[in-house]
C-alpha atoms as a PDB file:
ATOM      1  CA  MET A   1      14.777  -3.116  -7.098  1.00  0.00           C
ATOM      2  CA  ASN A   2      17.719  -0.783  -6.507  1.00  0.00           C
ATOM      3  CA  ASP A   3      18.100  -0.277 -10.266  1.00  0.00           C
ATOM      4  CA  ILE A   4      14.497   1.010 -10.483  1.00  0.00           C
ATOM      5  CA  ARG A   5      15.047   3.516  -7.660  1.00  0.00           C
ATOM      6  CA  THR A   6      18.264   4.721  -9.279  1.00  0.00           C
ATOM      7  CA  LYS A   7      16.470   5.331 -12.577  1.00  0.00           C
ATOM      8  CA  LEU A   8      13.780   7.308 -10.783  1.00  0.00           C
ATOM      9  CA  GLY A   9      16.380   9.653  -9.334  1.00  0.00           C
ATOM     10  CA  THR A  10      14.105  10.842  -6.538  1.00  0.00           C
ATOM     11  CA  GLY A  11      16.176  10.606  -3.379  1.00  0.00           C
ATOM     12  CA  VAL A  12      12.918  10.871  -1.406  1.00  0.00           C
ATOM     13  CA  GLU A  13      11.856   7.580   0.154  1.00  0.00           C
ATOM     14  CA  PHE A  14       9.637   6.394   3.000  1.00  0.00           C
ATOM     15  CA  THR A  15      10.008   3.152   4.938  1.00  0.00           C
ATOM     16  CA  ILE A  16       7.965   1.772   7.818  1.00  0.00           C
ATOM     17  CA  ARG A  17       8.317  -1.560   9.640  1.00  0.00           C
ATOM     18  CA  ARG A  18       6.083  -3.512  11.989  1.00  0.00           C
ATOM     19  CA  THR A  19       6.338  -6.971  13.529  1.00  0.00           C
ATOM     20  CA  PHE A  20       3.025  -8.782  13.889  1.00  0.00           C
ATOM     21  CA  ASP A  21       2.299 -11.523  16.397  1.00  0.00           C
ATOM     22  CA  ALA A  22       1.077 -13.834  13.643  1.00  0.00           C
ATOM     23  CA  PRO A  23       2.601 -16.494  11.399  1.00  0.00           C
ATOM     24  CA  LEU A  24       3.747 -15.561   7.909  1.00  0.00           C
ATOM     25  CA  ASP A  25       0.974 -17.579   6.212  1.00  0.00           C
ATOM     26  CA  ARG A  26      -1.732 -15.537   7.959  1.00  0.00           C
ATOM     27  CA  VAL A  27      -0.056 -12.191   7.249  1.00  0.00           C
ATOM     28  CA  TRP A  28       0.540 -13.088   3.584  1.00  0.00           C
ATOM     29  CA  GLN A  29      -3.114 -14.080   3.168  1.00  0.00           C
ATOM     30  CA  ALA A  30      -4.202 -10.775   4.703  1.00  0.00           C
ATOM     31  CA  TRP A  31      -2.283  -8.956   1.938  1.00  0.00           C
ATOM     32  CA  THR A  32      -3.286 -11.236  -0.946  1.00  0.00           C
ATOM     33  CA  ASP A  33      -6.898 -12.361  -0.358  1.00  0.00           C
ATOM     34  CA  SER A  34      -9.599  -9.806  -1.222  1.00  0.00           C
ATOM     35  CA  GLU A  35     -11.983 -10.718   1.611  1.00  0.00           C
ATOM     36  CA  ARG A  36      -9.217 -10.574   4.202  1.00  0.00           C
ATOM     37  CA  MET A  37      -7.657  -7.415   2.794  1.00  0.00           C
ATOM     38  CA  ALA A  38     -11.013  -5.593   2.928  1.00  0.00           C
ATOM     39  CA  LYS A  39     -11.092  -6.051   6.691  1.00  0.00           C
ATOM     40  CA  TRP A  40      -7.985  -3.916   7.366  1.00  0.00           C
ATOM     41  CA  TRP A  41      -6.724  -2.066   4.265  1.00  0.00           C
ATOM     42  CA  GLY A  42      -6.861   1.715   4.322  1.00  0.00           C
ATOM     43  CA  PRO A  43      -6.952   4.525   6.842  1.00  0.00           C
ATOM     44  CA  LYS A  44      -8.778   4.235  10.128  1.00  0.00           C
ATOM     45  CA  GLY A  45     -12.407   5.241   9.954  1.00  0.00           C
ATOM     46  CA  CYS A  46     -13.151   3.933   6.495  1.00  0.00           C
ATOM     47  CA  LYS A  47     -14.865   0.869   5.118  1.00  0.00           C
ATOM     48  CA  THR A  48     -12.925  -0.855   2.363  1.00  0.00           C
ATOM     49  CA  GLU A  49     -14.350  -2.737  -0.592  1.00  0.00           C
ATOM     50  CA  ILE A  50     -11.923  -4.699  -2.733  1.00  0.00           C
ATOM     51  CA  VAL A  51     -13.661  -4.602  -6.113  1.00  0.00           C
ATOM     52  CA  LYS A  52     -11.028  -6.629  -7.951  1.00  0.00           C
ATOM     53  CA  LEU A  53      -7.892  -8.476  -6.925  1.00  0.00           C
ATOM     54  CA  ASP A  54      -5.888 -10.123  -9.718  1.00  0.00           C
ATOM     55  CA  LEU A  55      -2.728 -11.203  -7.902  1.00  0.00           C
ATOM     56  CA  ARG A  56      -0.168 -11.646 -10.660  1.00  0.00           C
ATOM     57  CA  PRO A  57       2.485  -9.477 -12.288  1.00  0.00           C
ATOM     58  CA  GLY A  58       0.474  -7.121 -14.492  1.00  0.00           C
ATOM     59  CA  GLY A  59      -2.645  -7.717 -12.362  1.00  0.00           C
ATOM     60  CA  ILE A  60      -4.537  -5.122 -10.378  1.00  0.00           C
ATOM     61  CA  CYS A  61      -6.164  -4.632  -7.016  1.00  0.00           C
ATOM     62  CA  HIS A  62      -8.937  -2.043  -7.392  1.00  0.00           C
ATOM     63  CA  TYR A  63     -10.564  -0.809  -4.210  1.00  0.00           C
ATOM     64  CA  CYS A  64     -12.900   1.789  -2.780  1.00  0.00           C
ATOM     65  CA  LEU A  65     -12.449   3.468   0.591  1.00  0.00           C
ATOM     66  CA  ASP A  66     -15.758   4.710   1.978  1.00  0.00           C
ATOM     67  CA  PHE A  67     -15.599   7.466   4.592  1.00  0.00           C
ATOM     68  CA  GLU A  68     -19.276   7.620   5.626  1.00  0.00           C
ATOM     69  CA  GLY A  69     -20.481   8.204   2.074  1.00  0.00           C
ATOM     70  CA  GLN A  70     -17.371   9.949   0.738  1.00  0.00           C
ATOM     71  CA  GLU A  71     -15.650   7.532  -1.645  1.00  0.00           C
ATOM     72  CA  MET A  72     -11.958   7.461  -2.478  1.00  0.00           C
ATOM     73  CA  TRP A  73     -10.795   4.973  -5.109  1.00  0.00           C
ATOM     74  CA  GLY A  74      -7.358   3.424  -5.460  1.00  0.00           C
ATOM     75  CA  LYS A  75      -5.503   0.702  -7.256  1.00  0.00           C
ATOM     76  CA  LEU A  76      -2.400  -1.399  -6.947  1.00  0.00           C
ATOM     77  CA  LEU A  77      -0.701  -2.476 -10.175  1.00  0.00           C
ATOM     78  CA  TYR A  78       1.292  -5.592  -9.343  1.00  0.00           C
ATOM     79  CA  ARG A  79       4.799  -5.765 -10.792  1.00  0.00           C
ATOM     80  CA  GLN A  80       6.419  -8.562  -8.788  1.00  0.00           C
ATOM     81  CA  ILE A  81       5.085 -11.257  -6.481  1.00  0.00           C
ATOM     82  CA  VAL A  82       7.423 -13.549  -4.581  1.00  0.00           C
ATOM     83  CA  PRO A  83       5.086 -15.635  -2.403  1.00  0.00           C
ATOM     84  CA  LYS A  84       5.517 -14.994   1.316  1.00  0.00           C
ATOM     85  CA  LYS A  85       8.573 -12.805   0.656  1.00  0.00           C
ATOM     86  CA  ARG A  86       7.778  -9.711  -1.408  1.00  0.00           C
ATOM     87  CA  LEU A  87       5.076  -7.732  -3.181  1.00  0.00           C
ATOM     88  CA  VAL A  88       6.012  -4.907  -5.534  1.00  0.00           C
ATOM     89  CA  PHE A  89       3.282  -2.729  -6.954  1.00  0.00           C
ATOM     90  CA  ILE A  90       2.483   0.760  -8.158  1.00  0.00           C
ATOM     91  CA  THR A  91       0.001   2.485  -5.826  1.00  0.00           C
ATOM     92  CA  ALA A  92      -2.269   5.115  -7.378  1.00  0.00           C
ATOM     93  CA  PHE A  93      -5.529   6.921  -6.820  1.00  0.00           C
ATOM     94  CA  SER A  94      -8.146   5.990  -9.363  1.00  0.00           C
ATOM     95  CA  ASP A  95     -11.733   6.451 -10.382  1.00  0.00           C
ATOM     96  CA  PRO A  96     -14.440   3.754 -10.225  1.00  0.00           C
ATOM     97  CA  HIS A  97     -13.352   2.575 -13.712  1.00  0.00           C
ATOM     98  CA  GLU A  98      -9.663   2.039 -12.797  1.00  0.00           C
ATOM     99  CA  GLY A  99      -8.559   5.282 -14.460  1.00  0.00           C
ATOM    100  CA  LEU A 100      -5.565   7.096 -12.971  1.00  0.00           C
ATOM    101  CA  THR A 101      -6.478  10.223 -10.976  1.00  0.00           C
ATOM    102  CA  THR A 102      -4.877  12.634  -8.533  1.00  0.00           C
ATOM    103  CA  HIS A 103      -5.233  12.517  -4.760  1.00  0.00           C
ATOM    104  CA  PRO A 104      -8.674  14.039  -4.085  1.00  0.00           C
ATOM    105  CA  LEU A 105      -7.403  16.164  -1.187  1.00  0.00           C
ATOM    106  CA  SER A 106      -3.873  16.884  -2.429  1.00  0.00           C
ATOM    107  CA  PRO A 107      -3.693  17.269  -6.225  1.00  0.00           C
ATOM    108  CA  ASN A 108       0.108  17.637  -6.185  1.00  0.00           C
ATOM    109  CA  TRP A 109       0.648  14.343  -4.325  1.00  0.00           C
ATOM    110  CA  PRO A 110       2.546  11.899  -6.589  1.00  0.00           C
ATOM    111  CA  ARG A 111       0.118  10.236  -8.978  1.00  0.00           C
ATOM    112  CA  GLN A 112       1.980   6.946  -8.564  1.00  0.00           C
ATOM    113  CA  MET A 113       4.094   5.388  -5.822  1.00  0.00           C
ATOM    114  CA  LEU A 114       6.424   2.428  -6.231  1.00  0.00           C
ATOM    115  CA  THR A 115       5.600   0.221  -3.244  1.00  0.00           C
ATOM    116  CA  THR A 116       7.744  -2.671  -2.053  1.00  0.00           C
ATOM    117  CA  VAL A 117       6.422  -4.804   0.797  1.00  0.00           C
ATOM    118  CA  THR A 118       8.712  -7.445   2.280  1.00  0.00           C
ATOM    119  CA  PHE A 119       7.799 -10.216   4.712  1.00  0.00           C
ATOM    120  CA  SER A 120       9.957 -12.326   7.017  1.00  0.00           C
ATOM    121  CA  GLU A 121       9.082 -14.694   9.845  1.00  0.00           C
ATOM    122  CA  LYS A 122      10.936 -15.429  13.055  1.00  0.00           C
ATOM    123  CA  ASP A 123       9.648 -17.362  16.064  1.00  0.00           C
ATOM    124  CA  GLY A 124       6.068 -17.339  14.768  1.00  0.00           C
ATOM    125  CA  LYS A 125       6.020 -13.554  14.298  1.00  0.00           C
ATOM    126  CA  THR A 126       6.068 -11.778  10.958  1.00  0.00           C
ATOM    127  CA  ALA A 127       8.004  -8.628  10.156  1.00  0.00           C
ATOM    128  CA  VAL A 128       6.563  -6.451   7.391  1.00  0.00           C
ATOM    129  CA  LYS A 129       8.444  -3.588   5.784  1.00  0.00           C
ATOM    130  CA  VAL A 130       6.751  -1.128   3.428  1.00  0.00           C
ATOM    131  CA  HIS A 131       8.975   1.020   1.256  1.00  0.00           C
ATOM    132  CA  TRP A 132       7.476   3.881  -0.784  1.00  0.00           C
ATOM    133  CA  VAL A 133       9.095   6.047  -3.429  1.00  0.00           C
ATOM    134  CA  PRO A 134       7.401   8.442  -5.876  1.00  0.00           C
ATOM    135  CA  TYR A 135       7.233   6.869  -9.326  1.00  0.00           C
ATOM    136  CA  GLU A 136       7.511   8.914 -12.518  1.00  0.00           C
ATOM    137  CA  ALA A 137       6.903  11.986 -10.350  1.00  0.00           C
ATOM    138  CA  THR A 138       7.422  15.639 -11.122  1.00  0.00           C
ATOM    139  CA  ASP A 139       9.669  17.816  -8.978  1.00  0.00           C
ATOM    140  CA  THR A 140       6.545  19.329  -7.409  1.00  0.00           C
ATOM    141  CA  GLU A 141       5.115  15.901  -6.590  1.00  0.00           C
ATOM    142  CA  ARG A 142       8.404  14.805  -5.011  1.00  0.00           C
ATOM    143  CA  ALA A 143       8.482  17.982  -2.900  1.00  0.00           C
ATOM    144  CA  VAL A 144       4.893  17.407  -1.724  1.00  0.00           C
ATOM    145  CA  PHE A 145       5.768  13.785  -0.887  1.00  0.00           C
ATOM    146  CA  GLU A 146       8.823  14.862   1.096  1.00  0.00           C
ATOM    147  CA  ALA A 147       6.761  17.453   2.981  1.00  0.00           C
ATOM    148  CA  GLY A 148       4.171  14.741   3.719  1.00  0.00           C
ATOM    149  CA  LEU A 149       6.451  12.093   5.216  1.00  0.00           C
ATOM    150  CA  GLU A 150       4.934  12.559   8.689  1.00  0.00           C
ATOM    151  CA  ALA A 151       1.460  12.034   7.207  1.00  0.00           C
ATOM    152  CA  CYS A 152       2.751   8.870   5.486  1.00  0.00           C
ATOM    153  CA  ASN A 153       3.973   7.614   8.842  1.00  0.00           C
ATOM    154  CA  ALA A 154       0.644   8.392  10.531  1.00  0.00           C
ATOM    155  CA  GLY A 155      -1.359   6.787   7.718  1.00  0.00           C
ATOM    156  CA  TRP A 156       0.678   3.598   7.555  1.00  0.00           C
ATOM    157  CA  THR A 157       0.793   3.378  11.371  1.00  0.00           C
ATOM    158  CA  GLY A 158      -3.009   3.448  11.444  1.00  0.00           C
ATOM    159  CA  THR A 159      -3.245   0.892   8.650  1.00  0.00           C
ATOM    160  CA  PHE A 160      -0.796  -1.389  10.463  1.00  0.00           C
ATOM    161  CA  GLU A 161      -2.856  -1.028  13.647  1.00  0.00           C
ATOM    162  CA  GLN A 162      -5.913  -2.200  11.722  1.00  0.00           C
ATOM    163  CA  LEU A 163      -3.927  -5.131  10.315  1.00  0.00           C
ATOM    164  CA  GLU A 164      -2.736  -5.990  13.817  1.00  0.00           C
ATOM    165  CA  ASP A 165      -6.343  -5.936  15.124  1.00  0.00           C
ATOM    166  CA  TYR A 166      -7.502  -8.076  12.214  1.00  0.00           C
ATOM    167  CA  LEU A 167      -4.725 -10.638  12.700  1.00  0.00           C
ATOM    168  CA  ALA A 168      -5.529 -10.898  16.408  1.00  0.00           C
ATOM    169  CA  LYS A 169      -9.150 -11.813  15.585  1.00  0.00           C
ATOM    170  CA  VAL A 170      -8.516 -14.543  12.984  1.00  0.00           C
END
């Protein structure tokens, strides 16, 4: 993956880590099964519907986040899947028909993010690391991303809290 980041030439990256008190199999399923993913994916306060999940390189996860009637669509375009080790995908906002769109609240947010999620297990607990870098972004989009790193941290922290709650219940 380092060669991809070098070609992007961004210099702006975001990484967040969390260790979950759950075995790797359960955490992996939460990221790769549509019914499980719908129970935790997205910001706090929204209901998630996974419309499509085609887990293969070139496949897509298309989802809708519902904030009490306000819909926000997104998609993951899978590039690499190493079972129980790594997921690499392009994250983007979309429309209901899988078309690429801009962030509905921040039109200069990068249209696409290269996302690498790694998994490792130790003593029955699973460490997850999410790494984000703007993908094919303009200078303006990279600047908006860099200015929004605290919001990235808050958003992913909330999403990880939802994943933690979900894993504790199953």
